[in-house]
Amino acid sequence: MIPAAFEYYRPKDMAGVLSLLEEHGDDARVMAGGHSLIPMMKLRMAEVPHLIDLQDVGGMTGIEVGTDTIRIGAMVTQAAIIDHAALAVAAPILREASLQIADPQVRYMGTVGGNVANGDPGNDMPGLMQCLDATFVVVGPEGERSIPARDFYEAAYMTAREDDEVLTAVTLPTPKGGHAYEKQKRKIGDYATAAAAVQIVKEAGACASASIAMTNLSDTPVFSEAAGAALVGSTLDEAALNAAVAAMLNDIDPSEDNRGPVAFKKHVAGVILRRAVTRAWSRA
């Protein structure tokens, strides 16, 4: 398919981006790597009369790994995350998840900002960022503001970011404990049928804290606070795993599509969560 005709812009700074957004309003969209937006334009699922490419805008490609905080620029690619040695040590779950996104060609262009900003429930990074209690930094005409990842997603392709705002960075506390990102998909490069991001802290042989988020099982990513709470205080015995899975299943709301009926998706979600929790516990 060929997209509808559009005007293409490649501003050199954020001031130029915001000016174009103000000028063209709802008819304008910004593009980072383009791997979510361009296919939608080709399928005529999105009509964008004015397309603003962020590739030449500086200041959004850095990765800063501090003692307590990590900051990732919105234009950082998944390939850059995979190759960043300090980030792999500080937050290995980011590398583990990035290696499961699409294929190498996509990962060389696909960006963190693009993956989290457009609200696609099938994308891997939104649920992962909720698991890690990340914050999204956006800038607009009124200046800069921060939005917690757990409050960012409102419905499919609808987020707390205003149309005249641009996501510029992701910040997160340095993760502690064991991690796992598990993903079941039909084929290499596909969206998940179900995916689970898990971080677990172990103290004195018991679970001190657990953070769990699920992907592509509702019209938004699902941070399941109840599933994490079900593990706290346990040694992750069968009863605790069953309770966590039950709590997660109560939080998701999958719909039938070409990845399977609802019952199948719920079954896969339970299997994937068990695998992720078990692996994270083994690393904690």
C-alpha atoms as a PDB file:
ATOM      1  CA  MET A   1       0.000   0.000   0.000  1.00  0.00           C
ATOM      2  CA  ILE A   2       1.027   3.582  -0.600  1.00  0.00           C
ATOM      3  CA  PRO A   3       0.188   6.246   2.011  1.00  0.00           C
ATOM      4  CA  ALA A   4      -1.938   9.261   1.187  1.00  0.00           C
ATOM      5  CA  ALA A   5      -0.023  12.342   0.101  1.00  0.00           C
ATOM      6  CA  PHE A   6       1.671  14.284   2.907  1.00  0.00           C
ATOM      7  CA  GLU A   7       4.096  17.118   3.513  1.00  0.00           C
ATOM      8  CA  TYR A   8       7.433  16.064   5.003  1.00  0.00           C
ATOM      9  CA  TYR A   9       9.450  18.199   7.455  1.00  0.00           C
ATOM     10  CA  ARG A  10      12.855  17.598   9.041  1.00  0.00           C
ATOM     11  CA  PRO A  11      13.477  20.432  11.537  1.00  0.00           C
ATOM     12  CA  LYS A  12      16.881  20.897  13.159  1.00  0.00           C
ATOM     13  CA  ASP A  13      15.739  21.652  16.719  1.00  0.00           C
ATOM     14  CA  MET A  14      12.826  21.196  19.106  1.00  0.00           C
ATOM     15  CA  ALA A  15      11.721  24.792  18.638  1.00  0.00           C
ATOM     16  CA  GLY A  16      11.167  24.011  14.963  1.00  0.00           C
ATOM     17  CA  VAL A  17       9.203  20.868  15.840  1.00  0.00           C
ATOM     18  CA  LEU A  18       6.923  22.697  18.266  1.00  0.00           C
ATOM     19  CA  SER A  19       6.401  25.510  15.774  1.00  0.00           C
ATOM     20  CA  LEU A  20       5.239  23.037  13.123  1.00  0.00           C
ATOM     21  CA  LEU A  21       2.931  21.307  15.583  1.00  0.00           C
ATOM     22  CA  GLU A  22       1.410  24.643  16.528  1.00  0.00           C
ATOM     23  CA  GLU A  23       0.999  25.642  12.889  1.00  0.00           C
ATOM     24  CA  HIS A  24      -0.638  22.440  11.667  1.00  0.00           C
ATOM     25  CA  GLY A  25      -2.435  21.230  14.786  1.00  0.00           C
ATOM     26  CA  ASP A  26      -4.209  17.886  14.510  1.00  0.00           C
ATOM     27  CA  ASP A  27      -2.975  17.437  10.938  1.00  0.00           C
ATOM     28  CA  ALA A  28       0.636  17.015  12.101  1.00  0.00           C
ATOM     29  CA  ARG A  29       2.384  14.013  13.657  1.00  0.00           C
ATOM     30  CA  VAL A  30       5.977  13.558  14.763  1.00  0.00           C
ATOM     31  CA  MET A  31       7.956  10.483  13.716  1.00  0.00           C
ATOM     32  CA  ALA A  32      10.923   8.929  15.491  1.00  0.00           C
ATOM     33  CA  GLY A  33      12.004   5.654  13.873  1.00  0.00           C
ATOM     34  CA  GLY A  34       8.798   5.311  11.872  1.00  0.00           C
ATOM     35  CA  HIS A  35       8.230   1.584  12.387  1.00  0.00           C
ATOM     36  CA  SER A  36       4.813   2.099  13.981  1.00  0.00           C
ATOM     37  CA  LEU A  37       3.541   5.157  12.133  1.00  0.00           C
ATOM     38  CA  ILE A  38       4.634   4.453   8.546  1.00  0.00           C
ATOM     39  CA  PRO A  39       2.929   1.021   8.325  1.00  0.00           C
ATOM     40  CA  MET A  40      -0.278   2.573   9.638  1.00  0.00           C
ATOM     41  CA  MET A  41      -0.029   5.304   7.008  1.00  0.00           C
ATOM     42  CA  LYS A  42       0.550   2.721   4.258  1.00  0.00           C
ATOM     43  CA  LEU A  43      -2.503   0.765   5.370  1.00  0.00           C
ATOM     44  CA  ARG A  44      -4.508   4.037   5.456  1.00  0.00           C
ATOM     45  CA  MET A  45      -5.201   3.432   9.149  1.00  0.00           C
ATOM     46  CA  ALA A  46      -3.609   6.816   9.849  1.00  0.00           C
ATOM     47  CA  GLU A  47      -3.811   9.907   7.660  1.00  0.00           C
ATOM     48  CA  VAL A  48      -1.019  12.403   8.379  1.00  0.00           C
ATOM     49  CA  PRO A  49      -1.074  15.471   6.117  1.00  0.00           C
ATOM     50  CA  HIS A  50       2.058  16.869   7.813  1.00  0.00           C
ATOM     51  CA  LEU A  51       4.804  14.474   8.935  1.00  0.00           C
ATOM     52  CA  ILE A  52       7.579  15.832  11.181  1.00  0.00           C
ATOM     53  CA  ASP A  53      10.736  13.709  11.290  1.00  0.00           C
ATOM     54  CA  LEU A  54      12.781  13.982  14.519  1.00  0.00           C
ATOM     55  CA  GLN A  55      15.980  12.448  13.110  1.00  0.00           C
ATOM     56  CA  ASP A  56      17.885  15.756  12.922  1.00  0.00           C
ATOM     57  CA  VAL A  57      16.789  17.111  16.312  1.00  0.00           C
ATOM     58  CA  GLY A  58      19.696  16.919  18.747  1.00  0.00           C
ATOM     59  CA  GLY A  59      19.779  16.020  22.418  1.00  0.00           C
ATOM     60  CA  MET A  60      17.648  12.862  22.340  1.00  0.00           C
ATOM     61  CA  THR A  61      20.130  10.093  21.571  1.00  0.00           C
ATOM     62  CA  GLY A  62      22.000   9.838  24.870  1.00  0.00           C
ATOM     63  CA  ILE A  63      21.956   7.136  27.544  1.00  0.00           C
ATOM     64  CA  GLU A  64      22.945   8.260  31.047  1.00  0.00           C
ATOM     65  CA  VAL A  65      23.468   5.570  33.685  1.00  0.00           C
ATOM     66  CA  GLY A  66      23.708   7.040  37.191  1.00  0.00           C
ATOM     67  CA  THR A  67      23.919   5.386  40.564  1.00  0.00           C
ATOM     68  CA  ASP A  68      20.195   5.626  41.249  1.00  0.00           C
ATOM     69  CA  THR A  69      18.661   6.843  37.989  1.00  0.00           C
ATOM     70  CA  ILE A  70      18.828   6.013  34.293  1.00  0.00           C
ATOM     71  CA  ARG A  71      17.896   8.454  31.542  1.00  0.00           C
ATOM     72  CA  ILE A  72      17.325   7.329  27.952  1.00  0.00           C
ATOM     73  CA  GLY A  73      16.758   9.805  25.148  1.00  0.00           C
ATOM     74  CA  ALA A  74      13.629   9.281  23.072  1.00  0.00           C
ATOM     75  CA  MET A  75      15.627   8.766  19.857  1.00  0.00           C
ATOM     76  CA  VAL A  76      17.783   5.989  21.325  1.00  0.00           C
ATOM     77  CA  THR A  77      17.277   2.871  19.226  1.00  0.00           C
ATOM     78  CA  GLN A  78      16.715  -0.640  20.486  1.00  0.00           C
ATOM     79  CA  ALA A  79      20.067  -1.567  18.903  1.00  0.00           C
ATOM     80  CA  ALA A  80      21.782   1.132  20.973  1.00  0.00           C
ATOM     81  CA  ILE A  81      20.219  -0.274  24.139  1.00  0.00           C
ATOM     82  CA  ILE A  82      21.445  -3.756  23.255  1.00  0.00           C
ATOM     83  CA  ASP A  83      24.997  -2.495  22.636  1.00  0.00           C
ATOM     84  CA  HIS A  84      25.308  -0.233  25.717  1.00  0.00           C
ATOM     85  CA  ALA A  85      27.552  -2.090  28.197  1.00  0.00           C
ATOM     86  CA  ALA A  86      26.825   0.042  31.277  1.00  0.00           C
ATOM     87  CA  LEU A  87      23.070  -0.115  30.694  1.00  0.00           C
ATOM     88  CA  ALA A  88      23.229  -3.897  30.326  1.00  0.00           C
ATOM     89  CA  VAL A  89      24.781  -4.082  33.800  1.00  0.00           C
ATOM     90  CA  ALA A  90      22.498  -1.526  35.468  1.00  0.00           C
ATOM     91  CA  ALA A  91      19.202  -2.613  33.875  1.00  0.00           C
ATOM     92  CA  PRO A  92      19.660  -5.940  32.052  1.00  0.00           C
ATOM     93  CA  ILE A  93      15.928  -6.348  31.498  1.00  0.00           C
ATOM     94  CA  LEU A  94      16.069  -3.491  28.960  1.00  0.00           C
ATOM     95  CA  ARG A  95      18.545  -5.421  26.823  1.00  0.00           C
ATOM     96  CA  GLU A  96      16.633  -8.672  27.278  1.00  0.00           C
ATOM     97  CA  ALA A  97      13.394  -7.071  26.095  1.00  0.00           C
ATOM     98  CA  SER A  98      15.019  -5.148  23.227  1.00  0.00           C
ATOM     99  CA  LEU A  99      16.450  -8.371  21.803  1.00  0.00           C
ATOM    100  CA  GLN A 100      12.885  -9.677  21.488  1.00  0.00           C
ATOM    101  CA  ILE A 101      11.543  -6.685  19.556  1.00  0.00           C
ATOM    102  CA  ALA A 102      10.939  -7.478  15.876  1.00  0.00           C
ATOM    103  CA  ASP A 103      14.242  -8.196  14.067  1.00  0.00           C
ATOM    104  CA  PRO A 104      17.705  -6.578  13.745  1.00  0.00           C
ATOM    105  CA  GLN A 105      16.686  -4.349  10.832  1.00  0.00           C
ATOM    106  CA  VAL A 106      13.816  -2.877  12.822  1.00  0.00           C
ATOM    107  CA  ARG A 107      15.895  -2.532  15.989  1.00  0.00           C
ATOM    108  CA  TYR A 108      18.476  -0.385  14.174  1.00  0.00           C
ATOM    109  CA  MET A 109      15.772   2.211  13.425  1.00  0.00           C
ATOM    110  CA  GLY A 110      13.065   1.628  16.032  1.00  0.00           C
ATOM    111  CA  THR A 111      13.366   4.021  18.968  1.00  0.00           C
ATOM    112  CA  VAL A 112      12.418   3.986  22.634  1.00  0.00           C
ATOM    113  CA  GLY A 113      10.373   7.157  22.207  1.00  0.00           C
ATOM    114  CA  GLY A 114       8.449   5.858  19.232  1.00  0.00           C
ATOM    115  CA  ASN A 115       7.769   2.554  20.950  1.00  0.00           C
ATOM    116  CA  VAL A 116       6.288   4.108  24.092  1.00  0.00           C
ATOM    117  CA  ALA A 117       4.689   7.301  22.767  1.00  0.00           C
ATOM    118  CA  ASN A 118       2.069   6.164  20.274  1.00  0.00           C
ATOM    119  CA  GLY A 119       0.063   3.965  22.634  1.00  0.00           C
ATOM    120  CA  ASP A 120       0.135   0.767  20.579  1.00  0.00           C
ATOM    121  CA  PRO A 121      -0.911  -2.001  23.033  1.00  0.00           C
ATOM    122  CA  GLY A 122       1.253  -4.498  21.137  1.00  0.00           C
ATOM    123  CA  ASN A 123       4.520  -2.634  21.635  1.00  0.00           C
ATOM    124  CA  ASP A 124       6.987  -4.161  24.110  1.00  0.00           C
ATOM    125  CA  MET A 125       8.420  -1.063  25.811  1.00  0.00           C
ATOM    126  CA  PRO A 126       5.234   0.401  27.380  1.00  0.00           C
ATOM    127  CA  GLY A 127       4.598  -2.557  29.705  1.00  0.00           C
ATOM    128  CA  LEU A 128       8.300  -2.863  30.447  1.00  0.00           C
ATOM    129  CA  MET A 129       8.461   0.814  31.448  1.00  0.00           C
ATOM    130  CA  GLN A 130       5.449   0.355  33.717  1.00  0.00           C
ATOM    131  CA  CYS A 131       7.166  -2.587  35.372  1.00  0.00           C
ATOM    132  CA  LEU A 132      10.259  -0.414  35.949  1.00  0.00           C
ATOM    133  CA  ASP A 133       8.191   2.530  37.258  1.00  0.00           C
ATOM    134  CA  ALA A 134       9.596   4.774  34.535  1.00  0.00           C
ATOM    135  CA  THR A 135       8.651   8.389  33.881  1.00  0.00           C
ATOM    136  CA  PHE A 136       8.182   9.938  30.436  1.00  0.00           C
ATOM    137  CA  VAL A 137       9.475  13.466  29.853  1.00  0.00           C
ATOM    138  CA  VAL A 138       7.462  15.490  27.334  1.00  0.00           C
ATOM    139  CA  VAL A 139       7.917  19.041  26.086  1.00  0.00           C
ATOM    140  CA  GLY A 140       5.336  21.358  24.589  1.00  0.00           C
ATOM    141  CA  PRO A 141       4.401  25.035  24.247  1.00  0.00           C
ATOM    142  CA  GLU A 142       3.964  25.313  28.021  1.00  0.00           C
ATOM    143  CA  GLY A 143       7.378  23.785  28.745  1.00  0.00           C
ATOM    144  CA  GLU A 144       8.489  20.411  30.074  1.00  0.00           C
ATOM    145  CA  ARG A 145       6.535  18.001  32.254  1.00  0.00           C
ATOM    146  CA  SER A 146       6.902  14.430  33.483  1.00  0.00           C
ATOM    147  CA  ILE A 147       4.256  11.698  33.274  1.00  0.00           C
ATOM    148  CA  PRO A 148       4.552   8.358  35.100  1.00  0.00           C
ATOM    149  CA  ALA A 149       4.444   5.417  32.685  1.00  0.00           C
ATOM    150  CA  ARG A 150       1.754   3.828  34.849  1.00  0.00           C
ATOM    151  CA  ASP A 151      -0.509   6.856  34.226  1.00  0.00           C
ATOM    152  CA  PHE A 152       0.402   7.450  30.577  1.00  0.00           C
ATOM    153  CA  TYR A 153      -1.829   4.974  28.703  1.00  0.00           C
ATOM    154  CA  GLU A 154      -5.552   5.709  28.534  1.00  0.00           C
ATOM    155  CA  ALA A 155      -6.793   3.491  25.677  1.00  0.00           C
ATOM    156  CA  ALA A 156      -5.418   2.010  22.485  1.00  0.00           C
ATOM    157  CA  TYR A 157      -3.394   4.761  20.755  1.00  0.00           C
ATOM    158  CA  MET A 158      -4.582   7.289  23.343  1.00  0.00           C
ATOM    159  CA  THR A 159      -2.140   8.627  25.935  1.00  0.00           C
ATOM    160  CA  ALA A 160      -1.705  11.471  28.407  1.00  0.00           C
ATOM    161  CA  ARG A 161       0.617  13.257  25.971  1.00  0.00           C
ATOM    162  CA  GLU A 162      -1.076  16.242  24.335  1.00  0.00           C
ATOM    163  CA  ASP A 163      -1.034  16.530  20.538  1.00  0.00           C
ATOM    164  CA  ASP A 164       1.318  19.520  20.699  1.00  0.00           C
ATOM    165  CA  GLU A 165       3.790  17.747  23.005  1.00  0.00           C
ATOM    166  CA  VAL A 166       6.812  15.635  22.093  1.00  0.00           C
ATOM    167  CA  LEU A 167       8.229  12.835  24.227  1.00  0.00           C
ATOM    168  CA  THR A 168      11.940  13.586  24.668  1.00  0.00           C
ATOM    169  CA  ALA A 169      13.250  11.123  27.276  1.00  0.00           C
ATOM    170  CA  VAL A 170      12.509   8.227  29.603  1.00  0.00           C
ATOM    171  CA  THR A 171      13.839   8.161  33.164  1.00  0.00           C
ATOM    172  CA  LEU A 172      13.694   5.283  35.605  1.00  0.00           C
ATOM    173  CA  PRO A 173      15.105   4.265  38.977  1.00  0.00           C
ATOM    174  CA  THR A 174      17.931   1.768  38.638  1.00  0.00           C
ATOM    175  CA  PRO A 175      16.237  -1.644  38.917  1.00  0.00           C
ATOM    176  CA  LYS A 176      17.027  -3.921  41.841  1.00  0.00           C
ATOM    177  CA  GLY A 177      16.835  -7.685  42.161  1.00  0.00           C
ATOM    178  CA  GLY A 178      16.121 -10.285  39.511  1.00  0.00           C
ATOM    179  CA  HIS A 179      14.496  -9.625  36.167  1.00  0.00           C
ATOM    180  CA  ALA A 180      12.826 -11.399  33.261  1.00  0.00           C
ATOM    181  CA  TYR A 181      11.049 -10.444  30.057  1.00  0.00           C
ATOM    182  CA  GLU A 182       9.126 -13.356  28.570  1.00  0.00           C
ATOM    183  CA  LYS A 183       7.292 -13.132  25.255  1.00  0.00           C
ATOM    184  CA  GLN A 184       5.214 -15.577  23.254  1.00  0.00           C
ATOM    185  CA  LYS A 185       4.632 -14.724  19.600  1.00  0.00           C
ATOM    186  CA  ARG A 186       3.548 -16.510  16.443  1.00  0.00           C
ATOM    187  CA  LYS A 187       6.770 -15.890  14.528  1.00  0.00           C
ATOM    188  CA  ILE A 188       9.974 -13.853  14.619  1.00  0.00           C
ATOM    189  CA  GLY A 189       9.236 -10.154  14.286  1.00  0.00           C
ATOM    190  CA  ASP A 190       5.606 -10.420  15.369  1.00  0.00           C
ATOM    191  CA  TYR A 191       3.828  -8.651  18.189  1.00  0.00           C
ATOM    192  CA  ALA A 192       3.385 -10.706  21.357  1.00  0.00           C
ATOM    193  CA  THR A 193       0.399 -12.929  21.894  1.00  0.00           C
ATOM    194  CA  ALA A 194       1.333 -12.282  25.522  1.00  0.00           C
ATOM    195  CA  ALA A 195       4.416 -10.885  27.228  1.00  0.00           C
ATOM    196  CA  ALA A 196       5.400 -10.341  30.849  1.00  0.00           C
ATOM    197  CA  ALA A 197       7.963  -8.009  32.429  1.00  0.00           C
ATOM    198  CA  VAL A 198       8.973  -8.922  35.989  1.00  0.00           C
ATOM    199  CA  GLN A 199      11.367  -7.448  38.570  1.00  0.00           C
ATOM    200  CA  ILE A 200      11.721  -9.228  41.927  1.00  0.00           C
ATOM    201  CA  VAL A 201      13.717  -8.319  45.020  1.00  0.00           C
ATOM    202  CA  LYS A 202      14.624 -11.192  47.361  1.00  0.00           C
ATOM    203  CA  GLU A 203      15.540 -10.683  51.045  1.00  0.00           C
ATOM    204  CA  ALA A 204      16.269 -13.450  53.555  1.00  0.00           C
ATOM    205  CA  GLY A 205      15.003 -16.045  51.106  1.00  0.00           C
ATOM    206  CA  ALA A 206      11.595 -14.425  50.617  1.00  0.00           C
ATOM    207  CA  CYS A 207      10.128 -12.029  48.070  1.00  0.00           C
ATOM    208  CA  ALA A 208      10.474  -8.469  49.393  1.00  0.00           C
ATOM    209  CA  SER A 209       8.906  -6.762  46.374  1.00  0.00           C
ATOM    210  CA  ALA A 210       7.679  -7.680  42.909  1.00  0.00           C
ATOM    211  CA  SER A 211       6.696  -5.591  39.907  1.00  0.00           C
ATOM    212  CA  ILE A 212       4.697  -7.175  37.079  1.00  0.00           C
ATOM    213  CA  ALA A 213       3.389  -5.751  33.810  1.00  0.00           C
ATOM    214  CA  MET A 214       1.730  -7.518  30.862  1.00  0.00           C
ATOM    215  CA  THR A 215       1.727  -6.677  27.147  1.00  0.00           C
ATOM    216  CA  ASN A 216      -0.914  -7.023  24.393  1.00  0.00           C
ATOM    217  CA  LEU A 217      -3.580  -8.421  26.691  1.00  0.00           C
ATOM    218  CA  SER A 218      -5.780  -5.305  26.902  1.00  0.00           C
ATOM    219  CA  ASP A 219      -6.126  -2.070  24.951  1.00  0.00           C
ATOM    220  CA  THR A 220      -3.320  -0.681  27.139  1.00  0.00           C
ATOM    221  CA  PRO A 221      -0.327  -2.277  28.840  1.00  0.00           C
ATOM    222  CA  VAL A 222      -1.334  -3.674  32.227  1.00  0.00           C
ATOM    223  CA  PHE A 223       0.648  -2.989  35.381  1.00  0.00           C
ATOM    224  CA  SER A 224      -0.712  -5.669  37.714  1.00  0.00           C
ATOM    225  CA  GLU A 225      -0.082  -4.376  41.212  1.00  0.00           C
ATOM    226  CA  ALA A 226      -2.169  -7.203  42.660  1.00  0.00           C
ATOM    227  CA  ALA A 227      -0.067  -9.874  40.934  1.00  0.00           C
ATOM    228  CA  GLY A 228       3.115  -8.427  42.403  1.00  0.00           C
ATOM    229  CA  ALA A 229       1.545  -8.139  45.849  1.00  0.00           C
ATOM    230  CA  ALA A 230       0.546 -11.813  45.733  1.00  0.00           C
ATOM    231  CA  LEU A 231       4.228 -12.771  45.658  1.00  0.00           C
ATOM    232  CA  VAL A 232       5.438 -10.531  48.481  1.00  0.00           C
ATOM    233  CA  GLY A 233       6.404 -12.442  51.636  1.00  0.00           C
ATOM    234  CA  SER A 234       6.405 -15.796  49.860  1.00  0.00           C
ATOM    235  CA  THR A 235       9.202 -18.072  48.741  1.00  0.00           C
ATOM    236  CA  LEU A 236       7.431 -18.292  45.387  1.00  0.00           C
ATOM    237  CA  ASP A 237       5.834 -21.628  46.130  1.00  0.00           C
ATOM    238  CA  GLU A 238       3.034 -22.987  43.970  1.00  0.00           C
ATOM    239  CA  ALA A 239       0.335 -21.246  45.989  1.00  0.00           C
ATOM    240  CA  ALA A 240       2.013 -17.858  45.512  1.00  0.00           C
ATOM    241  CA  LEU A 241       2.453 -18.436  41.769  1.00  0.00           C
ATOM    242  CA  ASN A 242      -1.185 -19.456  41.434  1.00  0.00           C
ATOM    243  CA  ALA A 243      -2.281 -16.347  43.331  1.00  0.00           C
ATOM    244  CA  ALA A 244      -0.147 -14.079  41.146  1.00  0.00           C
ATOM    245  CA  VAL A 245      -1.500 -15.616  37.949  1.00  0.00           C
ATOM    246  CA  ALA A 246      -5.087 -15.342  39.201  1.00  0.00           C
ATOM    247  CA  ALA A 247      -4.564 -11.680  40.107  1.00  0.00           C
ATOM    248  CA  MET A 248      -3.038 -10.941  36.709  1.00  0.00           C
ATOM    249  CA  LEU A 249      -5.873 -12.677  34.864  1.00  0.00           C
ATOM    250  CA  ASN A 250      -8.321 -10.525  36.777  1.00  0.00           C
ATOM    251  CA  ASP A 251      -6.543  -7.377  35.548  1.00  0.00           C
ATOM    252  CA  ILE A 252      -6.241  -8.160  31.819  1.00  0.00           C
ATOM    253  CA  ASP A 253      -8.999  -7.924  29.224  1.00  0.00           C
ATOM    254  CA  PRO A 254      -7.865  -9.620  25.995  1.00  0.00           C
ATOM    255  CA  SER A 255      -9.977  -9.703  22.860  1.00  0.00           C
ATOM    256  CA  GLU A 256     -10.180 -12.328  20.141  1.00  0.00           C
ATOM    257  CA  ASP A 257      -8.137 -11.654  17.009  1.00  0.00           C
ATOM    258  CA  ASN A 258      -5.800 -13.459  14.621  1.00  0.00           C
ATOM    259  CA  ARG A 259      -3.554 -14.387  17.568  1.00  0.00           C
ATOM    260  CA  GLY A 260      -6.269 -16.524  19.082  1.00  0.00           C
ATOM    261  CA  PRO A 261      -9.476 -16.557  21.134  1.00  0.00           C
ATOM    262  CA  VAL A 262      -9.742 -15.030  24.583  1.00  0.00           C
ATOM    263  CA  ALA A 263      -9.399 -18.359  26.423  1.00  0.00           C
ATOM    264  CA  PHE A 264      -6.167 -19.151  24.576  1.00  0.00           C
ATOM    265  CA  LYS A 265      -4.698 -15.719  25.304  1.00  0.00           C
ATOM    266  CA  LYS A 266      -5.483 -16.065  29.015  1.00  0.00           C
ATOM    267  CA  HIS A 267      -3.849 -19.486  29.068  1.00  0.00           C
ATOM    268  CA  VAL A 268      -0.735 -18.135  27.324  1.00  0.00           C
ATOM    269  CA  ALA A 269      -0.632 -15.149  29.700  1.00  0.00           C
ATOM    270  CA  GLY A 270      -0.579 -17.493  32.700  1.00  0.00           C
ATOM    271  CA  VAL A 271       2.184 -19.639  31.226  1.00  0.00           C
ATOM    272  CA  ILE A 272       4.290 -16.621  30.283  1.00  0.00           C
ATOM    273  CA  LEU A 273       3.904 -14.991  33.701  1.00  0.00           C
ATOM    274  CA  ARG A 274       4.927 -18.198  35.481  1.00  0.00           C
ATOM    275  CA  ARG A 275       8.029 -18.446  33.311  1.00  0.00           C
ATOM    276  CA  ALA A 276       8.949 -14.797  33.867  1.00  0.00           C
ATOM    277  CA  VAL A 277       8.440 -14.928  37.641  1.00  0.00           C
ATOM    278  CA  THR A 278      10.414 -18.159  37.960  1.00  0.00           C
ATOM    279  CA  ARG A 279      13.315 -16.820  35.927  1.00  0.00           C
ATOM    280  CA  ALA A 280      13.354 -13.471  37.716  1.00  0.00           C
ATOM    281  CA  TRP A 281      13.365 -15.304  41.073  1.00  0.00           C
ATOM    282  CA  SER A 282      16.329 -17.408  39.969  1.00  0.00           C
ATOM    283  CA  ARG A 283      18.244 -14.203  39.241  1.00  0.00           C
ATOM    284  CA  ALA A 284      17.188 -12.271  42.337  1.00  0.00           C
END
